[in-house]
N, C-alpha and C. Protein backbone atom coordinates (compact mmCIF):
# COMPACT_ATOMS: atom_id res chain seq x y z
N MET A 1 0.84 -1.18 0.00
CA MET A 1 0.00 0.00 0.00
C MET A 1 0.89 1.25 0.00
N ASN A 2 0.55 2.19 -0.82
CA ASN A 2 1.27 3.46 -0.88
C ASN A 2 0.56 4.44 0.04
N PRO A 3 1.18 4.80 1.20
CA PRO A 3 0.50 5.67 2.15
C PRO A 3 0.21 7.05 1.58
N VAL A 4 1.03 7.53 0.65
CA VAL A 4 0.76 8.83 0.06
C VAL A 4 -0.50 8.77 -0.79
N ALA A 5 -0.62 7.73 -1.61
CA ALA A 5 -1.78 7.59 -2.48
C ALA A 5 -3.06 7.41 -1.68
N SER A 6 -2.96 6.79 -0.51
CA SER A 6 -4.16 6.56 0.29
C SER A 6 -4.56 7.77 1.12
N GLY A 7 -3.75 8.83 1.09
CA GLY A 7 -4.10 10.04 1.83
C GLY A 7 -3.71 10.01 3.29
N ASN A 8 -2.93 9.03 3.73
CA ASN A 8 -2.55 8.92 5.13
C ASN A 8 -1.29 9.72 5.47
N VAL A 9 -0.68 10.34 4.51
CA VAL A 9 0.54 11.09 4.73
C VAL A 9 0.28 12.56 4.40
N SER A 10 0.83 13.44 5.23
CA SER A 10 0.73 14.89 5.03
C SER A 10 -0.71 15.38 5.02
N ASP A 11 -1.52 14.82 5.90
CA ASP A 11 -2.91 15.25 6.06
C ASP A 11 -2.92 16.71 6.55
N PRO A 12 -3.65 17.60 5.87
CA PRO A 12 -3.68 19.00 6.28
C PRO A 12 -4.12 19.21 7.74
N ASP A 13 -5.01 18.36 8.23
CA ASP A 13 -5.44 18.50 9.63
C ASP A 13 -4.30 18.17 10.59
N VAL A 14 -3.48 17.18 10.25
CA VAL A 14 -2.32 16.83 11.08
C VAL A 14 -1.32 17.98 11.05
N ILE A 15 -1.04 18.51 9.88
CA ILE A 15 -0.10 19.63 9.75
C ILE A 15 -0.57 20.80 10.59
N ARG A 16 -1.84 21.15 10.49
CA ARG A 16 -2.39 22.27 11.27
C ARG A 16 -2.23 21.99 12.76
N ARG A 17 -2.57 20.79 13.19
CA ARG A 17 -2.50 20.46 14.62
C ARG A 17 -1.08 20.59 15.15
N VAL A 18 -0.11 19.99 14.46
CA VAL A 18 1.24 19.98 15.02
C VAL A 18 1.91 21.36 14.94
N LEU A 19 1.53 22.16 13.95
CA LEU A 19 2.13 23.48 13.85
C LEU A 19 1.49 24.50 14.79
N THR A 20 0.24 24.31 15.14
CA THR A 20 -0.45 25.32 15.96
C THR A 20 -0.60 24.92 17.42
N THR A 21 -0.19 23.72 17.77
CA THR A 21 -0.25 23.29 19.17
C THR A 21 1.17 23.32 19.74
N PRO A 22 1.45 24.28 20.62
CA PRO A 22 2.80 24.32 21.19
C PRO A 22 3.13 23.00 21.87
N GLY A 23 4.32 22.52 21.61
CA GLY A 23 4.75 21.26 22.19
C GLY A 23 6.23 21.07 21.95
N THR A 24 6.70 19.90 22.27
CA THR A 24 8.12 19.57 22.13
C THR A 24 8.34 18.77 20.86
N TRP A 25 9.32 19.18 20.09
CA TRP A 25 9.71 18.49 18.87
C TRP A 25 11.14 17.98 19.06
N ALA A 26 11.36 16.69 18.85
CA ALA A 26 12.72 16.16 18.77
C ALA A 26 13.15 16.35 17.32
N VAL A 27 14.24 17.09 17.12
CA VAL A 27 14.71 17.37 15.77
C VAL A 27 15.96 16.52 15.51
N VAL A 28 15.76 15.45 14.75
CA VAL A 28 16.83 14.51 14.45
C VAL A 28 17.68 15.08 13.32
N GLY A 29 18.97 15.23 13.59
CA GLY A 29 19.87 15.83 12.63
C GLY A 29 20.22 17.27 12.99
N LEU A 30 19.71 17.76 14.11
CA LEU A 30 19.98 19.12 14.55
C LEU A 30 21.28 19.18 15.34
N SER A 31 22.23 19.96 14.82
CA SER A 31 23.51 20.16 15.50
C SER A 31 23.67 21.64 15.81
N ALA A 32 24.79 21.99 16.40
CA ALA A 32 25.08 23.38 16.73
C ALA A 32 25.54 24.19 15.52
N ASP A 33 25.68 23.56 14.36
CA ASP A 33 26.13 24.24 13.15
C ASP A 33 25.03 25.17 12.64
N VAL A 34 25.21 26.47 12.84
CA VAL A 34 24.19 27.46 12.48
C VAL A 34 24.00 27.58 10.97
N HIS A 35 24.90 27.02 10.19
CA HIS A 35 24.79 27.10 8.73
C HIS A 35 23.91 25.99 8.15
N ARG A 36 23.51 25.03 8.96
CA ARG A 36 22.68 23.92 8.48
C ARG A 36 21.20 24.33 8.49
N THR A 37 20.46 23.83 7.53
CA THR A 37 19.03 24.14 7.42
C THR A 37 18.29 23.76 8.69
N ALA A 38 18.62 22.63 9.28
CA ALA A 38 17.93 22.18 10.50
C ALA A 38 18.00 23.24 11.60
N HIS A 39 19.12 23.91 11.70
CA HIS A 39 19.30 24.92 12.74
C HIS A 39 18.34 26.08 12.53
N GLY A 40 18.27 26.58 11.31
CA GLY A 40 17.39 27.71 11.01
C GLY A 40 15.92 27.36 11.20
N VAL A 41 15.52 26.19 10.76
CA VAL A 41 14.13 25.77 10.91
C VAL A 41 13.79 25.57 12.38
N ALA A 42 14.68 24.94 13.13
CA ALA A 42 14.43 24.72 14.56
C ALA A 42 14.32 26.04 15.30
N ARG A 43 15.19 26.97 15.00
CA ARG A 43 15.12 28.29 15.64
C ARG A 43 13.79 28.96 15.33
N TRP A 44 13.36 28.89 14.07
CA TRP A 44 12.09 29.48 13.67
C TRP A 44 10.93 28.82 14.42
N MET A 45 10.93 27.49 14.52
CA MET A 45 9.85 26.79 15.23
C MET A 45 9.80 27.22 16.69
N LYS A 46 10.96 27.43 17.28
CA LYS A 46 11.02 27.84 18.69
C LYS A 46 10.54 29.28 18.84
N GLU A 47 11.08 30.18 18.03
CA GLU A 47 10.78 31.60 18.18
C GLU A 47 9.40 31.99 17.64
N ALA A 48 9.04 31.49 16.48
CA ALA A 48 7.78 31.90 15.85
C ALA A 48 6.58 31.10 16.32
N LEU A 49 6.79 29.79 16.59
CA LEU A 49 5.67 28.93 16.93
C LEU A 49 5.60 28.56 18.41
N GLY A 50 6.67 28.82 19.15
CA GLY A 50 6.68 28.52 20.58
C GLY A 50 6.92 27.06 20.92
N HIS A 51 7.46 26.29 19.99
CA HIS A 51 7.75 24.89 20.25
C HIS A 51 9.07 24.76 21.02
N ARG A 52 9.14 23.78 21.91
CA ARG A 52 10.40 23.41 22.53
C ARG A 52 11.10 22.46 21.57
N ILE A 53 12.39 22.61 21.43
CA ILE A 53 13.18 21.81 20.50
C ILE A 53 14.18 20.97 21.28
N ILE A 54 14.21 19.67 21.01
CA ILE A 54 15.22 18.79 21.58
C ILE A 54 16.11 18.32 20.44
N PRO A 55 17.40 18.72 20.46
CA PRO A 55 18.30 18.28 19.40
C PRO A 55 18.67 16.80 19.54
N VAL A 56 18.63 16.09 18.41
CA VAL A 56 19.05 14.69 18.38
C VAL A 56 20.07 14.57 17.25
N HIS A 57 21.31 14.28 17.65
CA HIS A 57 22.42 14.25 16.70
C HIS A 57 23.51 13.39 17.32
N PRO A 58 24.26 12.64 16.53
CA PRO A 58 25.30 11.78 17.11
C PRO A 58 26.26 12.50 18.06
N ARG A 59 26.49 13.80 17.85
CA ARG A 59 27.39 14.54 18.74
C ARG A 59 26.69 15.01 20.02
N ALA A 60 25.38 14.87 20.11
CA ALA A 60 24.60 15.23 21.31
C ALA A 60 24.91 16.65 21.78
N GLU A 61 25.01 17.57 20.85
CA GLU A 61 25.32 18.96 21.18
C GLU A 61 24.09 19.70 21.70
N ALA A 62 24.30 20.62 22.62
CA ALA A 62 23.23 21.52 23.05
C ALA A 62 22.99 22.53 21.93
N VAL A 63 21.72 22.83 21.69
CA VAL A 63 21.33 23.80 20.67
C VAL A 63 20.22 24.66 21.25
N GLU A 64 20.36 25.98 21.07
CA GLU A 64 19.34 26.91 21.55
C GLU A 64 19.01 26.70 23.02
N GLY A 65 20.04 26.36 23.81
CA GLY A 65 19.85 26.19 25.24
C GLY A 65 19.25 24.86 25.66
N GLU A 66 19.05 23.95 24.72
CA GLU A 66 18.47 22.64 25.02
C GLU A 66 19.53 21.56 24.94
N GLN A 67 19.54 20.68 25.92
CA GLN A 67 20.44 19.52 25.93
C GLN A 67 20.20 18.66 24.69
N GLY A 68 21.28 18.26 24.05
CA GLY A 68 21.17 17.36 22.91
C GLY A 68 21.35 15.91 23.32
N TYR A 69 20.84 15.01 22.49
CA TYR A 69 20.95 13.57 22.73
C TYR A 69 21.42 12.91 21.45
N ALA A 70 22.16 11.83 21.58
CA ALA A 70 22.70 11.13 20.42
C ALA A 70 21.63 10.34 19.67
N ALA A 71 20.55 9.98 20.35
CA ALA A 71 19.48 9.19 19.74
C ALA A 71 18.19 9.41 20.51
N LEU A 72 17.08 9.09 19.88
CA LEU A 72 15.77 9.21 20.56
C LEU A 72 15.74 8.36 21.82
N THR A 73 16.39 7.20 21.78
CA THR A 73 16.38 6.30 22.93
C THR A 73 17.05 6.91 24.15
N GLN A 74 17.86 7.95 23.97
CA GLN A 74 18.55 8.59 25.09
C GLN A 74 17.78 9.74 25.72
N ILE A 75 16.70 10.15 25.09
CA ILE A 75 15.86 11.20 25.69
C ILE A 75 15.27 10.61 26.97
N PRO A 76 15.36 11.33 28.08
CA PRO A 76 14.95 10.76 29.38
C PRO A 76 13.47 10.40 29.45
N ASP A 77 13.20 9.34 30.22
CA ASP A 77 11.81 8.97 30.51
C ASP A 77 11.11 10.18 31.12
N GLY A 78 9.82 10.29 30.85
CA GLY A 78 9.04 11.40 31.39
C GLY A 78 9.03 12.62 30.49
N THR A 79 9.90 12.64 29.46
CA THR A 79 9.89 13.72 28.48
C THR A 79 8.85 13.38 27.43
N VAL A 80 7.91 14.29 27.20
CA VAL A 80 6.87 14.07 26.21
C VAL A 80 7.27 14.78 24.92
N VAL A 81 7.37 14.01 23.85
CA VAL A 81 7.82 14.51 22.55
C VAL A 81 6.79 14.12 21.50
N PRO A 82 5.74 14.93 21.32
CA PRO A 82 4.69 14.55 20.37
C PRO A 82 5.14 14.47 18.91
N VAL A 83 6.20 15.23 18.55
CA VAL A 83 6.62 15.26 17.14
C VAL A 83 8.12 14.96 17.04
N VAL A 84 8.46 14.08 16.10
CA VAL A 84 9.86 13.81 15.74
C VAL A 84 10.05 14.34 14.33
N ASP A 85 10.92 15.32 14.19
CA ASP A 85 11.20 16.00 12.93
C ASP A 85 12.53 15.48 12.39
N CYS A 86 12.53 14.94 11.17
CA CYS A 86 13.69 14.22 10.64
C CYS A 86 14.42 15.01 9.56
N PHE A 87 15.60 15.49 9.91
CA PHE A 87 16.52 16.15 8.97
C PHE A 87 17.65 15.18 8.65
N VAL A 88 17.33 14.03 8.11
CA VAL A 88 18.33 13.04 7.72
C VAL A 88 18.04 12.62 6.28
N ASN A 89 19.02 12.03 5.63
CA ASN A 89 18.84 11.57 4.26
C ASN A 89 17.76 10.49 4.19
N SER A 90 17.10 10.43 3.05
CA SER A 90 16.04 9.45 2.85
C SER A 90 16.52 8.03 3.13
N HIS A 91 17.75 7.70 2.74
CA HIS A 91 18.25 6.34 2.95
C HIS A 91 18.54 6.04 4.42
N ARG A 92 18.57 7.06 5.28
CA ARG A 92 18.81 6.85 6.71
C ARG A 92 17.55 7.03 7.56
N VAL A 93 16.49 7.58 6.98
CA VAL A 93 15.33 7.93 7.81
C VAL A 93 14.58 6.70 8.30
N GLY A 94 14.66 5.58 7.60
CA GLY A 94 13.96 4.36 8.03
C GLY A 94 14.38 3.94 9.43
N ALA A 95 15.66 4.03 9.73
CA ALA A 95 16.15 3.67 11.07
C ALA A 95 15.61 4.63 12.12
N VAL A 96 15.51 5.91 11.78
CA VAL A 96 14.95 6.90 12.71
C VAL A 96 13.47 6.61 12.96
N VAL A 97 12.76 6.29 11.90
CA VAL A 97 11.34 5.94 12.02
C VAL A 97 11.17 4.72 12.93
N ASP A 98 11.99 3.71 12.72
CA ASP A 98 11.90 2.51 13.57
C ASP A 98 12.21 2.84 15.03
N GLU A 99 13.18 3.71 15.26
CA GLU A 99 13.50 4.12 16.63
C GLU A 99 12.34 4.91 17.25
N ALA A 100 11.69 5.75 16.45
CA ALA A 100 10.53 6.50 16.94
C ALA A 100 9.38 5.55 17.28
N ILE A 101 9.15 4.57 16.44
CA ILE A 101 8.10 3.58 16.72
C ILE A 101 8.41 2.85 18.03
N ALA A 102 9.66 2.46 18.21
CA ALA A 102 10.04 1.73 19.43
C ALA A 102 9.90 2.58 20.69
N ASN A 103 9.98 3.90 20.55
CA ASN A 103 9.92 4.80 21.70
C ASN A 103 8.62 5.60 21.76
N LYS A 104 7.66 5.28 20.91
CA LYS A 104 6.46 6.12 20.82
C LYS A 104 5.67 6.16 22.12
N ASP A 105 5.51 5.05 22.79
CA ASP A 105 4.75 5.06 24.05
C ASP A 105 5.54 5.74 25.17
N ARG A 106 6.83 5.47 25.25
CA ARG A 106 7.67 6.03 26.31
C ARG A 106 7.76 7.55 26.20
N LEU A 107 7.84 8.07 24.97
CA LEU A 107 8.00 9.51 24.75
C LEU A 107 6.72 10.21 24.32
N GLY A 108 5.65 9.47 24.14
CA GLY A 108 4.40 10.09 23.70
C GLY A 108 4.44 10.61 22.28
N ILE A 109 5.21 9.93 21.42
CA ILE A 109 5.35 10.36 20.03
C ILE A 109 4.04 10.09 19.29
N GLU A 110 3.54 11.11 18.60
CA GLU A 110 2.30 11.01 17.83
C GLU A 110 2.52 11.19 16.34
N THR A 111 3.53 12.00 15.98
CA THR A 111 3.71 12.40 14.58
C THR A 111 5.18 12.35 14.20
N LEU A 112 5.43 11.86 13.00
CA LEU A 112 6.75 11.92 12.38
C LEU A 112 6.69 12.94 11.25
N TRP A 113 7.62 13.87 11.25
CA TRP A 113 7.70 14.87 10.18
C TRP A 113 8.99 14.62 9.43
N LEU A 114 8.90 14.18 8.18
CA LEU A 114 10.07 13.97 7.33
C LEU A 114 10.23 15.21 6.46
N GLN A 115 11.35 15.88 6.64
CA GLN A 115 11.58 17.18 6.02
C GLN A 115 11.59 17.13 4.49
N LEU A 116 11.62 18.30 3.91
CA LEU A 116 11.64 18.48 2.46
C LEU A 116 12.76 17.64 1.85
N GLY A 117 12.41 16.79 0.90
CA GLY A 117 13.37 15.92 0.24
C GLY A 117 13.59 14.59 0.93
N VAL A 118 12.99 14.40 2.12
CA VAL A 118 13.14 13.14 2.86
C VAL A 118 11.90 12.30 2.58
N VAL A 119 12.10 11.22 1.81
CA VAL A 119 10.99 10.38 1.38
C VAL A 119 11.37 8.91 1.58
N ASP A 120 10.51 8.19 2.28
CA ASP A 120 10.67 6.74 2.43
C ASP A 120 9.27 6.16 2.62
N GLN A 121 8.70 5.67 1.53
CA GLN A 121 7.34 5.14 1.55
C GLN A 121 7.19 3.98 2.53
N ASP A 122 8.17 3.08 2.54
CA ASP A 122 8.09 1.91 3.43
C ASP A 122 8.12 2.34 4.89
N ALA A 123 9.00 3.27 5.23
CA ALA A 123 9.08 3.76 6.61
C ALA A 123 7.78 4.46 7.00
N ALA A 124 7.22 5.24 6.09
CA ALA A 124 5.95 5.92 6.37
C ALA A 124 4.85 4.90 6.63
N ALA A 125 4.82 3.84 5.83
CA ALA A 125 3.81 2.79 6.02
C ALA A 125 3.98 2.10 7.38
N ARG A 126 5.24 1.84 7.79
CA ARG A 126 5.48 1.23 9.11
C ARG A 126 4.98 2.15 10.22
N ALA A 127 5.24 3.43 10.08
CA ALA A 127 4.82 4.40 11.10
C ALA A 127 3.29 4.45 11.19
N ILE A 128 2.63 4.46 10.06
CA ILE A 128 1.17 4.51 10.04
C ILE A 128 0.60 3.24 10.67
N ARG A 129 1.16 2.09 10.33
CA ARG A 129 0.71 0.84 10.95
C ARG A 129 0.90 0.85 12.46
N ALA A 130 1.92 1.59 12.94
CA ALA A 130 2.19 1.69 14.37
C ALA A 130 1.31 2.75 15.05
N GLY A 131 0.46 3.41 14.26
CA GLY A 131 -0.46 4.39 14.84
C GLY A 131 0.04 5.82 14.85
N LEU A 132 1.11 6.08 14.11
CA LEU A 132 1.66 7.44 14.06
C LEU A 132 1.15 8.18 12.83
N ASP A 133 1.00 9.50 12.97
CA ASP A 133 0.74 10.35 11.82
C ASP A 133 2.07 10.63 11.15
N VAL A 134 2.05 10.83 9.83
CA VAL A 134 3.27 11.09 9.08
C VAL A 134 3.05 12.29 8.16
N VAL A 135 3.99 13.22 8.23
CA VAL A 135 4.08 14.32 7.28
C VAL A 135 5.41 14.10 6.56
N MET A 136 5.38 14.12 5.23
CA MET A 136 6.58 13.73 4.49
C MET A 136 6.85 14.69 3.34
N ASP A 137 8.16 14.99 3.15
CA ASP A 137 8.65 15.75 2.01
C ASP A 137 8.15 17.19 2.00
N THR A 138 8.14 17.80 3.18
CA THR A 138 7.81 19.22 3.27
C THR A 138 8.42 19.79 4.54
N CYS A 139 8.34 21.09 4.69
CA CYS A 139 8.97 21.79 5.81
C CYS A 139 7.92 22.61 6.55
N PRO A 140 8.01 22.69 7.88
CA PRO A 140 7.07 23.54 8.62
C PRO A 140 7.05 24.98 8.13
N MET A 141 8.21 25.50 7.71
CA MET A 141 8.27 26.88 7.24
C MET A 141 7.54 27.05 5.90
N ILE A 142 7.36 25.98 5.16
CA ILE A 142 6.59 26.02 3.91
C ILE A 142 5.11 25.88 4.23
N GLU A 143 4.79 24.98 5.15
CA GLU A 143 3.40 24.68 5.45
C GLU A 143 2.71 25.74 6.31
N TYR A 144 3.42 26.36 7.22
CA TYR A 144 2.78 27.29 8.15
C TYR A 144 2.05 28.45 7.44
N PRO A 145 2.64 29.09 6.44
CA PRO A 145 1.92 30.18 5.78
C PRO A 145 0.63 29.74 5.06
N LYS A 146 0.50 28.45 4.79
CA LYS A 146 -0.70 27.93 4.11
C LYS A 146 -1.87 27.78 5.06
N LEU A 147 -1.61 27.83 6.39
CA LEU A 147 -2.68 27.61 7.36
C LEU A 147 -3.68 28.75 7.36
């Protein structure tokens, strides 16, 4: 089944909900490098939308005053992370999706956001089967003005 063709991916109601409900987003691929797209988008989500950002990157760097973690599995118990935003290559996002599925109950993950250019139909289908919403191949900064 193609989740995009069935309408289960990038549902406008899901996009509206996650962008307009202040909450915590784990941003996978977010480092302290201010020249990376992930940094600019995360800063915008924090400043313009009021979201808390948790950086997830192998170097576990602090970004925008928030402690970084090397993986979703290292985010402490009791932290509620409704959205996991993926700034990783399409060929690597499947592993992130699987990690999010494995931690969805512990972290309260509800939605996976695969950034512009990040596409993995199989990973999206796994996430949907696990009960997660999926937004794929777009950016919050592109979608927000459409609301």
